[in-house]
PDB file of N, CA and C in Angstrom:
ATOM      1  N   MET A   1      -6.309 -14.408   3.335  1.00  0.00           N
ATOM      2  CA  MET A   1      -5.331 -13.432   3.607  1.00  0.00           C
ATOM      3  C   MET A   1      -5.568 -12.379   2.700  1.00  0.00           C
ATOM      4  N   LYS A   2      -5.487 -11.150   3.129  1.00  0.00           N
ATOM      5  CA  LYS A   2      -5.638  -9.910   2.381  1.00  0.00           C
ATOM      6  C   LYS A   2      -4.486  -9.479   1.946  1.00  0.00           C
ATOM      7  N   THR A   3      -4.369  -8.725   0.835  1.00  0.00           N
ATOM      8  CA  THR A   3      -3.133  -8.171   0.195  1.00  0.00           C
ATOM      9  C   THR A   3      -3.153  -6.682   0.089  1.00  0.00           C
ATOM     10  N   LEU A   4      -2.045  -6.112   0.520  1.00  0.00           N
ATOM     11  CA  LEU A   4      -1.991  -4.780   0.514  1.00  0.00           C
ATOM     12  C   LEU A   4      -1.005  -4.424  -0.677  1.00  0.00           C
ATOM     13  N   LEU A   5      -1.500  -3.764  -1.698  1.00  0.00           N
ATOM     14  CA  LEU A   5      -0.804  -3.555  -2.874  1.00  0.00           C
ATOM     15  C   LEU A   5      -0.016  -2.222  -2.772  1.00  0.00           C
ATOM     16  N   LEU A   6       1.156  -2.169  -3.131  1.00  0.00           N
ATOM     17  CA  LEU A   6       2.025  -1.027  -3.009  1.00  0.00           C
ATOM     18  C   LEU A   6       2.580  -0.671  -4.305  1.00  0.00           C
ATOM     19  N   TYR A   7       1.871   0.360  -5.046  1.00  0.00           N
ATOM     20  CA  TYR A   7       2.257   0.735  -6.418  1.00  0.00           C
ATOM     21  C   TYR A   7       3.556   1.507  -6.247  1.00  0.00           C
ATOM     22  N   THR A   8       4.621   0.944  -7.022  1.00  0.00           N
ATOM     23  CA  THR A   8       6.044   1.461  -6.970  1.00  0.00           C
ATOM     24  C   THR A   8       6.712   1.336  -8.260  1.00  0.00           C
ATOM     25  N   THR A   9       8.035   1.826  -8.282  1.00  0.00           N
ATOM     26  CA  THR A   9       8.786   1.509  -9.398  1.00  0.00           C
ATOM     27  C   THR A   9      10.354   1.574  -8.859  1.00  0.00           C
ATOM     28  N   ALA A  10      11.227   0.973  -9.615  1.00  0.00           N
ATOM     29  CA  ALA A  10      12.614   0.837  -9.243  1.00  0.00           C
ATOM     30  C   ALA A  10      13.178   2.269  -9.030  1.00  0.00           C
ATOM     31  N   GLY A  11      13.983   2.429  -8.054  1.00  0.00           N
ATOM     32  CA  GLY A  11      14.676   3.747  -7.989  1.00  0.00           C
ATOM     33  C   GLY A  11      13.829   4.766  -7.175  1.00  0.00           C
ATOM     34  N   CYS A  12      12.590   4.461  -6.791  1.00  0.00           N
ATOM     35  CA  CYS A  12      11.796   5.489  -6.232  1.00  0.00           C
ATOM     36  C   CYS A  12      11.949   5.541  -4.696  1.00  0.00           C
ATOM     37  N   HIS A  13      12.685   6.491  -4.192  1.00  0.00           N
ATOM     38  CA  HIS A  13      13.146   6.713  -2.812  1.00  0.00           C
ATOM     39  C   HIS A  13      11.893   6.895  -1.911  1.00  0.00           C
ATOM     40  N   LEU A  14      10.753   7.516  -2.380  1.00  0.00           N
ATOM     41  CA  LEU A  14       9.569   7.790  -1.645  1.00  0.00           C
ATOM     42  C   LEU A  14       8.902   6.253  -1.445  1.00  0.00           C
ATOM     43  N   CYS A  15       8.935   5.421  -2.466  1.00  0.00           N
ATOM     44  CA  CYS A  15       8.495   4.172  -2.430  1.00  0.00           C
ATOM     45  C   CYS A  15       9.215   3.347  -1.315  1.00  0.00           C
ATOM     46  N   GLU A  16      10.467   3.524  -1.375  1.00  0.00           N
ATOM     47  CA  GLU A  16      11.306   2.717  -0.421  1.00  0.00           C
ATOM     48  C   GLU A  16      10.976   3.217   1.070  1.00  0.00           C
ATOM     49  N   GLN A  17      10.711   4.609   1.224  1.00  0.00           N
ATOM     50  CA  GLN A  17      10.233   5.126   2.633  1.00  0.00           C
ATOM     51  C   GLN A  17       8.913   4.532   2.924  1.00  0.00           C
ATOM     52  N   ALA A  18       8.049   4.439   1.949  1.00  0.00           N
ATOM     53  CA  ALA A  18       6.640   4.032   2.227  1.00  0.00           C
ATOM     54  C   ALA A  18       6.792   2.445   2.649  1.00  0.00           C
ATOM     55  N   GLU A  19       7.503   1.761   1.912  1.00  0.00           N
ATOM     56  CA  GLU A  19       7.661   0.284   2.414  1.00  0.00           C
ATOM     57  C   GLU A  19       8.221   0.028   3.797  1.00  0.00           C
ATOM     58  N   THR A  20       9.225   0.936   4.144  1.00  0.00           N
ATOM     59  CA  THR A  20       9.809   0.801   5.442  1.00  0.00           C
ATOM     60  C   THR A  20       8.804   1.287   6.561  1.00  0.00           C
ATOM     61  N   LEU A  21       8.007   2.364   6.227  1.00  0.00           N
ATOM     62  CA  LEU A  21       6.945   2.851   7.041  1.00  0.00           C
ATOM     63  C   LEU A  21       5.845   1.823   7.302  1.00  0.00           C
ATOM     64  N   LEU A  22       5.555   1.132   6.236  1.00  0.00           N
ATOM     65  CA  LEU A  22       4.400   0.159   6.261  1.00  0.00           C
ATOM     66  C   LEU A  22       4.684  -1.113   7.096  1.00  0.00           C
ATOM     67  N   LYS A  23       6.008  -1.523   7.200  1.00  0.00           N
ATOM     68  CA  LYS A  23       6.305  -2.843   7.762  1.00  0.00           C
ATOM     69  C   LYS A  23       5.703  -2.875   9.208  1.00  0.00           C
ATOM     70  N   PRO A  24       6.032  -1.872  10.141  1.00  0.00           N
ATOM     71  CA  PRO A  24       5.476  -2.006  11.535  1.00  0.00           C
ATOM     72  C   PRO A  24       4.027  -1.950  11.481  1.00  0.00           C
ATOM     73  N   VAL A  25       3.341  -1.077  10.573  1.00  0.00           N
ATOM     74  CA  VAL A  25       1.925  -0.945  10.589  1.00  0.00           C
ATOM     75  C   VAL A  25       1.350  -2.431  10.267  1.00  0.00           C
ATOM     76  N   LEU A  26       1.839  -3.064   9.293  1.00  0.00           N
ATOM     77  CA  LEU A  26       1.335  -4.493   8.842  1.00  0.00           C
ATOM     78  C   LEU A  26       1.477  -5.446  10.044  1.00  0.00           C
ATOM     79  N   GLU A  27       2.712  -5.392  10.853  1.00  0.00           N
ATOM     80  CA  GLU A  27       2.940  -6.186  11.913  1.00  0.00           C
ATOM     81  C   GLU A  27       1.752  -5.967  12.867  1.00  0.00           C
ATOM     82  N   TYR A  28       1.518  -4.780  13.202  1.00  0.00           N
ATOM     83  CA  TYR A  28       0.367  -4.488  14.145  1.00  0.00           C
ATOM     84  C   TYR A  28      -0.899  -4.859  13.730  1.00  0.00           C
ATOM     85  N   VAL A  29      -1.311  -4.695  12.430  1.00  0.00           N
ATOM     86  CA  VAL A  29      -2.423  -5.066  11.872  1.00  0.00           C
ATOM     87  C   VAL A  29      -2.703  -6.604  11.888  1.00  0.00           C
ATOM     88  N   GLN A  30      -1.628  -7.263  11.619  1.00  0.00           N
ATOM     89  CA  GLN A  30      -1.679  -8.761  11.435  1.00  0.00           C
ATOM     90  C   GLN A  30      -2.027  -9.236  12.827  1.00  0.00           C
ATOM     91  N   ALA A  31      -1.509  -8.596  13.837  1.00  0.00           N
ATOM     92  CA  ALA A  31      -1.878  -9.126  15.297  1.00  0.00           C
ATOM     93  C   ALA A  31      -3.398  -9.014  15.556  1.00  0.00           C
ATOM     94  N   SER A  32      -3.895  -8.125  14.956  1.00  0.00           N
ATOM     95  CA  SER A  32      -5.404  -7.916  15.284  1.00  0.00           C
ATOM     96  C   SER A  32      -6.396  -8.285  14.200  1.00  0.00           C
ATOM     97  N   PHE A  33      -5.781  -8.782  13.116  1.00  0.00           N
ATOM     98  CA  PHE A  33      -6.597  -9.222  11.950  1.00  0.00           C
ATOM     99  C   PHE A  33      -6.324 -10.684  11.586  1.00  0.00           C
ATOM    100  N   PRO A  34      -7.202 -11.623  11.977  1.00  0.00           N
ATOM    101  CA  PRO A  34      -6.935 -13.021  12.124  1.00  0.00           C
ATOM    102  C   PRO A  34      -6.542 -13.565  10.704  1.00  0.00           C
ATOM    103  N   GLU A  35      -7.171 -13.071   9.577  1.00  0.00           N
ATOM    104  CA  GLU A  35      -6.901 -13.469   8.295  1.00  0.00           C
ATOM    105  C   GLU A  35      -5.451 -13.167   7.775  1.00  0.00           C
ATOM    106  N   GLY A  36      -4.824 -12.211   8.381  1.00  0.00           N
ATOM    107  CA  GLY A  36      -3.598 -11.831   7.987  1.00  0.00           C
ATOM    108  C   GLY A  36      -3.600 -10.797   6.815  1.00  0.00           C
ATOM    109  N   VAL A  37      -2.474 -10.000   6.642  1.00  0.00           N
ATOM    110  CA  VAL A  37      -2.283  -8.999   5.597  1.00  0.00           C
ATOM    111  C   VAL A  37      -0.847  -9.274   5.008  1.00  0.00           C
ATOM    112  N   LYS A  38      -0.714  -9.384   3.718  1.00  0.00           N
ATOM    113  CA  LYS A  38       0.604  -9.381   3.168  1.00  0.00           C
ATOM    114  C   LYS A  38       0.770  -8.156   2.287  1.00  0.00           C
ATOM    115  N   LEU A  39       2.008  -7.647   2.266  1.00  0.00           N
ATOM    116  CA  LEU A  39       2.340  -6.433   1.238  1.00  0.00           C
ATOM    117  C   LEU A  39       2.927  -7.076   0.003  1.00  0.00           C
ATOM    118  N   GLN A  40       2.424  -6.534  -1.139  1.00  0.00           N
ATOM    119  CA  GLN A  40       2.714  -7.031  -2.342  1.00  0.00           C
ATOM    120  C   GLN A  40       2.957  -5.805  -3.302  1.00  0.00           C
ATOM    121  N   PRO A  41       4.303  -5.563  -3.513  1.00  0.00           N
ATOM    122  CA  PRO A  41       4.591  -4.354  -4.385  1.00  0.00           C
ATOM    123  C   PRO A  41       4.268  -4.666  -5.836  1.00  0.00           C
ATOM    124  N   VAL A  42       3.644  -3.687  -6.391  1.00  0.00           N
ATOM    125  CA  VAL A  42       3.338  -3.720  -7.957  1.00  0.00           C
ATOM    126  C   VAL A  42       4.102  -2.903  -8.605  1.00  0.00           C
ATOM    127  N   GLU A  43       4.897  -3.394  -9.564  1.00  0.00           N
ATOM    128  CA  GLU A  43       5.968  -2.449 -10.389  1.00  0.00           C
ATOM    129  C   GLU A  43       5.069  -1.913 -11.584  1.00  0.00           C
ATOM    130  N   ILE A  44       4.898  -0.596 -11.476  1.00  0.00           N
ATOM    131  CA  ILE A  44       4.001   0.073 -12.436  1.00  0.00           C
ATOM    132  C   ILE A  44       4.713   0.074 -13.898  1.00  0.00           C
ATOM    133  N   SER A  45       5.912   0.108 -13.932  1.00  0.00           N
ATOM    134  CA  SER A  45       6.649   0.255 -15.223  1.00  0.00           C
ATOM    135  C   SER A  45       6.376  -1.032 -16.106  1.00  0.00           C
ATOM    136  N   GLU A  46       5.841  -2.055 -15.697  1.00  0.00           N
ATOM    137  CA  GLU A  46       5.419  -3.188 -16.392  1.00  0.00           C
ATOM    138  C   GLU A  46       4.101  -3.090 -17.284  1.00  0.00           C
ATOM    139  N   SER A  47       3.315  -1.968 -16.970  1.00  0.00           N
ATOM    140  CA  SER A  47       2.073  -1.822 -17.482  1.00  0.00           C
ATOM    141  C   SER A  47       1.906  -0.302 -17.802  1.00  0.00           C
ATOM    142  N   GLU A  48       1.587  -0.012 -19.248  1.00  0.00           N
ATOM    143  CA  GLU A  48       1.390   1.334 -19.637  1.00  0.00           C
ATOM    144  C   GLU A  48       0.346   1.949 -18.820  1.00  0.00           C
ATOM    145  N   ALA A  49      -0.740   1.083 -18.645  1.00  0.00           N
ATOM    146  CA  ALA A  49      -1.989   1.650 -17.819  1.00  0.00           C
ATOM    147  C   ALA A  49      -1.600   2.026 -16.468  1.00  0.00           C
ATOM    148  N   LEU A  50      -0.824   1.304 -15.814  1.00  0.00           N
ATOM    149  CA  LEU A  50      -0.410   1.618 -14.358  1.00  0.00           C
ATOM    150  C   LEU A  50       0.642   2.842 -14.328  1.00  0.00           C
ATOM    151  N   VAL A  51       1.397   2.952 -15.387  1.00  0.00           N
ATOM    152  CA  VAL A  51       2.247   4.188 -15.511  1.00  0.00           C
ATOM    153  C   VAL A  51       1.397   5.457 -15.539  1.00  0.00           C
ATOM    154  N   GLU A  52       0.384   5.242 -16.528  1.00  0.00           N
ATOM    155  CA  GLU A  52      -0.556   6.449 -16.770  1.00  0.00           C
ATOM    156  C   GLU A  52      -1.335   6.694 -15.519  1.00  0.00           C
ATOM    157  N   ARG A  53      -1.695   5.646 -14.836  1.00  0.00           N
ATOM    158  CA  ARG A  53      -2.654   6.048 -13.525  1.00  0.00           C
ATOM    159  C   ARG A  53      -1.736   6.388 -12.447  1.00  0.00           C
ATOM    160  N   TYR A  54      -0.538   5.817 -12.309  1.00  0.00           N
ATOM    161  CA  TYR A  54       0.287   6.066 -10.949  1.00  0.00           C
ATOM    162  C   TYR A  54       1.588   6.765 -11.090  1.00  0.00           C
ATOM    163  N   GLY A  55       1.856   7.030 -12.468  1.00  0.00           N
ATOM    164  CA  GLY A  55       3.271   7.596 -12.648  1.00  0.00           C
ATOM    165  C   GLY A  55       3.778   8.748 -11.824  1.00  0.00           C
ATOM    166  N   ILE A  56       2.949   9.624 -11.725  1.00  0.00           N
ATOM    167  CA  ILE A  56       3.229  10.875 -10.837  1.00  0.00           C
ATOM    168  C   ILE A  56       2.675  10.869  -9.383  1.00  0.00           C
ATOM    169  N   ARG A  57       1.985   9.821  -8.945  1.00  0.00           N
ATOM    170  CA  ARG A  57       1.372   9.718  -7.671  1.00  0.00           C
ATOM    171  C   ARG A  57       2.136   8.705  -6.709  1.00  0.00           C
ATOM    172  N   ILE A  58       2.914   7.854  -7.204  1.00  0.00           N
ATOM    173  CA  ILE A  58       3.569   6.797  -6.461  1.00  0.00           C
ATOM    174  C   ILE A  58       4.363   7.329  -5.188  1.00  0.00           C
ATOM    175  N   PRO A  59       4.472   6.742  -4.121  1.00  0.00           N
ATOM    176  CA  PRO A  59       3.657   5.445  -3.833  1.00  0.00           C
ATOM    177  C   PRO A  59       2.332   5.568  -3.447  1.00  0.00           C
ATOM    178  N   VAL A  60       1.493   4.633  -3.848  1.00  0.00           N
ATOM    179  CA  VAL A  60       0.185   4.502  -3.476  1.00  0.00           C
ATOM    180  C   VAL A  60      -0.188   3.134  -2.959  1.00  0.00           C
ATOM    181  N   ILE A  61      -1.049   2.985  -1.973  1.00  0.00           N
ATOM    182  CA  ILE A  61      -1.356   1.812  -1.436  1.00  0.00           C
ATOM    183  C   ILE A  61      -2.911   1.521  -1.566  1.00  0.00           C
ATOM    184  N   ARG A  62      -3.230   0.255  -1.765  1.00  0.00           N
ATOM    185  CA  ARG A  62      -4.697  -0.210  -1.855  1.00  0.00           C
ATOM    186  C   ARG A  62      -4.762  -1.685  -1.527  1.00  0.00           C
ATOM    187  N   VAL A  63      -5.741  -1.704  -0.766  1.00  0.00           N
ATOM    188  CA  VAL A  63      -6.155  -3.329  -0.389  1.00  0.00           C
ATOM    189  C   VAL A  63      -6.827  -3.908  -1.500  1.00  0.00           C
ATOM    190  N   GLU A  64      -6.310  -4.976  -1.927  1.00  0.00           N
ATOM    191  CA  GLU A  64      -6.688  -5.683  -3.076  1.00  0.00           C
ATOM    192  C   GLU A  64      -8.305  -5.885  -2.892  1.00  0.00           C
ATOM    193  N   GLY A  65      -9.087  -5.616  -4.027  1.00  0.00           N
ATOM    194  CA  GLY A  65     -10.508  -5.877  -4.127  1.00  0.00           C
ATOM    195  C   GLY A  65     -11.240  -4.579  -3.617  1.00  0.00           C
ATOM    196  N   GLN A  66     -10.596  -3.575  -3.069  1.00  0.00           N
ATOM    197  CA  GLN A  66     -11.099  -2.339  -2.619  1.00  0.00           C
ATOM    198  C   GLN A  66     -10.808  -1.190  -3.811  1.00  0.00           C
ATOM    199  N   THR A  67     -11.728  -0.203  -3.720  1.00  0.00           N
ATOM    200  CA  THR A  67     -11.466   0.858  -4.781  1.00  0.00           C
ATOM    201  C   THR A  67     -10.734   1.992  -4.151  1.00  0.00           C
ATOM    202  N   GLU A  68     -10.881   2.261  -2.789  1.00  0.00           N
ATOM    203  CA  GLU A  68     -10.252   3.516  -2.228  1.00  0.00           C
ATOM    204  C   GLU A  68      -8.721   3.148  -2.167  1.00  0.00           C
ATOM    205  N   GLU A  69      -7.938   4.287  -2.408  1.00  0.00           N
ATOM    206  CA  GLU A  69      -6.578   4.214  -2.287  1.00  0.00           C
ATOM    207  C   GLU A  69      -5.859   5.177  -1.360  1.00  0.00           C
ATOM    208  N   LEU A  70      -4.775   5.094  -1.017  1.00  0.00           N
ATOM    209  CA  LEU A  70      -4.161   6.008  -0.206  1.00  0.00           C
ATOM    210  C   LEU A  70      -2.849   6.393  -1.009  1.00  0.00           C
ATOM    211  N   GLY A  71      -2.666   7.721  -1.283  1.00  0.00           N
ATOM    212  CA  GLY A  71      -1.498   8.096  -2.078  1.00  0.00           C
ATOM    213  C   GLY A  71      -0.598   8.773  -0.952  1.00  0.00           C
ATOM    214  N   TRP A  72       0.669   8.959  -1.499  1.00  0.00           N
ATOM    215  CA  TRP A  72       1.695   9.580  -0.600  1.00  0.00           C
ATOM    216  C   TRP A  72       1.418  11.156  -0.548  1.00  0.00           C
ATOM    217  N   PRO A  73       1.523  11.947   0.426  1.00  0.00           N
ATOM    218  CA  PRO A  73       2.246  11.428   1.469  1.00  0.00           C
ATOM    219  C   PRO A  73       1.367  10.834   2.620  1.00  0.00           C
ATOM    220  N   PHE A  74       1.845   9.910   3.290  1.00  0.00           N
ATOM    221  CA  PHE A  74       1.094   9.329   4.456  1.00  0.00           C
ATOM    222  C   PHE A  74       2.162   8.854   5.432  1.00  0.00           C
ATOM    223  N   ASP A  75       1.761   8.906   6.739  1.00  0.00           N
ATOM    224  CA  ASP A  75       2.584   8.344   7.892  1.00  0.00           C
ATOM    225  C   ASP A  75       2.084   7.145   8.470  1.00  0.00           C
ATOM    226  N   GLN A  76       2.508   6.495   9.514  1.00  0.00           N
ATOM    227  CA  GLN A  76       2.064   5.303  10.147  1.00  0.00           C
ATOM    228  C   GLN A  76       0.543   5.461  10.553  1.00  0.00           C
ATOM    229  N   ALA A  77       0.355   6.501  11.112  1.00  0.00           N
ATOM    230  CA  ALA A  77      -1.076   6.618  11.646  1.00  0.00           C
ATOM    231  C   ALA A  77      -2.131   6.625  10.574  1.00  0.00           C
ATOM    232  N   ILE A  78      -1.863   7.407   9.450  1.00  0.00           N
ATOM    233  CA  ILE A  78      -2.802   7.454   8.409  1.00  0.00           C
ATOM    234  C   ILE A  78      -2.873   6.163   7.736  1.00  0.00           C
ATOM    235  N   ALA A  79      -1.771   5.451   7.506  1.00  0.00           N
ATOM    236  CA  ALA A  79      -1.771   4.102   6.915  1.00  0.00           C
ATOM    237  C   ALA A  79      -2.422   3.166   7.699  1.00  0.00           C
ATOM    238  N   PHE A  80      -2.369   3.241   8.974  1.00  0.00           N
ATOM    239  CA  PHE A  80      -3.167   2.332   9.915  1.00  0.00           C
ATOM    240  C   PHE A  80      -4.453   2.455   9.804  1.00  0.00           C
ATOM    241  N   ALA A  81      -4.892   3.860   9.820  1.00  0.00           N
ATOM    242  CA  ALA A  81      -6.384   4.060   9.757  1.00  0.00           C
ATOM    243  C   ALA A  81      -6.929   3.687   8.479  1.00  0.00           C
ATOM    244  N   TYR A  82      -6.087   3.867   7.361  1.00  0.00           N
ATOM    245  CA  TYR A  82      -6.645   3.367   5.897  1.00  0.00           C
ATOM    246  C   TYR A  82      -6.802   1.890   6.053  1.00  0.00           C
ATOM    247  N   LEU A  83      -5.903   1.215   6.559  1.00  0.00           N
ATOM    248  CA  LEU A  83      -6.009  -0.296   6.615  1.00  0.00           C
ATOM    249  C   LEU A  83      -7.132  -0.805   7.522  1.00  0.00           C
ATOM    250  N   GLN A  84      -7.435  -0.201   8.629  1.00  0.00           N
ATOM    251  CA  GLN A  84      -8.484  -0.436   9.539  1.00  0.00           C
ATOM    252  C   GLN A  84      -9.736  -0.438   8.775  1.00  0.00           C
ATOM    253  N   GLY A  85      -9.977   0.791   8.062  1.00  0.00           N
ATOM    254  CA  GLY A  85     -11.182   0.882   7.335  1.00  0.00           C
ATOM    255  C   GLY A  85     -11.340  -0.022   6.201  1.00  0.00           C
ATOM    256  N   ALA A  86     -10.340  -0.303   5.449  1.00  0.00           N
ATOM    257  CA  ALA A  86     -10.368  -1.002   4.327  1.00  0.00           C
ATOM    258  C   ALA A  86     -10.561  -2.513   4.583  1.00  0.00           C
ATOM    259  N   LEU A  87     -10.099  -3.015   5.796  1.00  0.00           N
ATOM    260  CA  LEU A  87     -10.190  -4.358   6.271  1.00  0.00           C
ATOM    261  C   LEU A  87     -11.421  -4.629   6.881  1.00  0.00           C
ATOM    262  N   ALA A  88     -12.097  -3.667   7.357  1.00  0.00           N
ATOM    263  CA  ALA A  88     -13.316  -3.660   8.065  1.00  0.00           C
ATOM    264  C   ALA A  88     -14.527  -3.847   7.103  1.00  0.00           C
ATOM    265  N   SER A  89     -14.337  -3.341   5.859  1.00  0.00           N
ATOM    266  CA  SER A  89     -15.273  -3.528   4.817  1.00  0.00           C
ATOM    267  C   SER A  89     -15.383  -4.743   4.047  1.00  0.00           C
TER     268      SER A  89
END
Protein backbone atom coordinates (compact mmCIF):
# COMPACT_ATOMS: atom_id res chain seq x y z
CA MET A 1 0.00 0.00 0.00
CA LYS A 2 1.25 3.48 -0.88
CA THR A 3 1.05 6.34 1.60
CA LEU A 4 0.08 9.90 0.75
CA LEU A 5 1.62 12.19 3.34
CA LEU A 6 -0.27 15.36 4.22
CA TYR A 7 1.99 17.84 5.99
CA THR A 8 -0.26 19.74 8.38
CA THR A 9 -0.60 21.28 11.82
CA ALA A 10 -3.39 21.72 14.34
CA GLY A 11 -5.71 24.62 13.64
CA CYS A 12 -4.71 24.97 9.98
CA HIS A 13 -7.97 25.64 8.13
CA LEU A 14 -6.28 25.22 4.73
CA CYS A 15 -5.04 21.79 5.85
CA GLU A 16 -8.59 20.84 6.84
CA GLN A 17 -9.79 21.95 3.40
CA ALA A 18 -7.05 19.93 1.72
CA GLU A 19 -7.93 16.79 3.68
CA THR A 20 -11.60 17.15 2.76
CA LEU A 21 -10.68 17.75 -0.88
CA LEU A 22 -8.39 14.70 -0.95
CA LYS A 23 -10.90 12.14 0.34
CA PRO A 24 -12.87 11.70 -2.93
CA VAL A 25 -9.63 11.83 -4.92
CA LEU A 26 -8.20 8.98 -2.85
CA GLU A 27 -11.41 6.96 -3.21
CA TYR A 28 -11.20 7.29 -6.98
CA VAL A 29 -7.47 6.49 -7.09
CA GLN A 30 -7.97 3.46 -4.85
CA ALA A 31 -10.47 2.05 -7.33
CA SER A 32 -7.86 2.15 -10.09
CA PHE A 33 -4.70 1.44 -8.06
CA PRO A 34 -4.69 -2.19 -6.90
CA GLU A 35 -2.12 -1.71 -4.11
CA GLY A 36 -4.25 0.95 -2.44
CA VAL A 37 -3.39 4.39 -1.13
CA LYS A 38 -3.83 5.68 2.40
CA LEU A 39 -3.71 9.25 3.69
CA GLN A 40 -1.36 9.90 6.58
CA PRO A 41 -1.31 13.35 8.18
CA VAL A 42 2.13 14.46 9.36
CA GLU A 43 2.09 16.97 12.23
CA ILE A 44 4.92 19.35 11.41
CA SER A 45 5.00 20.96 14.88
CA GLU A 46 6.58 17.78 16.26
CA SER A 47 9.79 18.38 14.30
CA GLU A 48 11.84 21.55 14.06
CA ALA A 49 13.09 20.44 10.64
CA LEU A 50 9.53 19.98 9.36
CA VAL A 51 8.47 23.38 10.72
CA GLU A 52 11.43 24.96 8.97
CA ARG A 53 10.66 23.18 5.70
CA TYR A 54 6.86 23.39 5.64
CA GLY A 55 5.88 26.05 8.19
CA ILE A 56 4.67 28.64 5.66
CA ARG A 57 3.86 26.18 2.85
CA ILE A 58 1.31 23.81 4.40
CA PRO A 59 -0.71 21.99 3.37
CA VAL A 60 1.70 19.98 1.24
CA ILE A 61 1.20 16.44 -0.04
CA ARG A 62 3.80 13.89 -1.07
CA VAL A 63 3.67 10.22 -1.88
CA GLU A 64 6.00 8.51 0.56
CA GLY A 65 9.24 7.52 -1.16
CA GLN A 66 8.90 10.23 -3.82
CA THR A 67 10.71 13.56 -3.91
CA GLU A 68 8.11 15.58 -5.81
CA GLU A 69 5.63 17.43 -3.60
CA LEU A 70 2.43 19.30 -4.27
CA GLY A 71 1.86 22.45 -2.25
CA TRP A 72 -1.26 24.49 -1.69
CA PRO A 73 -3.22 25.74 -3.49
CA PHE A 74 -4.44 22.69 -5.37
CA ASP A 75 -7.83 21.37 -6.38
CA GLN A 76 -9.10 17.84 -6.92
CA ALA A 77 -8.00 17.72 -10.56
CA ILE A 78 -4.46 18.85 -9.72
CA ALA A 79 -4.23 16.44 -6.77
CA PHE A 80 -5.48 13.59 -8.96
CA ALA A 81 -2.93 14.37 -11.67
CA TYR A 82 -0.15 14.54 -9.06
CA LEU A 83 -1.18 11.17 -7.61
CA GLN A 84 -1.42 9.51 -11.00
CA GLY A 85 2.09 10.63 -11.87
CA ALA A 86 3.57 9.74 -8.48
CA LEU A 87 1.95 6.31 -8.36
CA ALA A 88 2.97 5.47 -11.92
CA SER A 89 6.67 5.94 -11.13
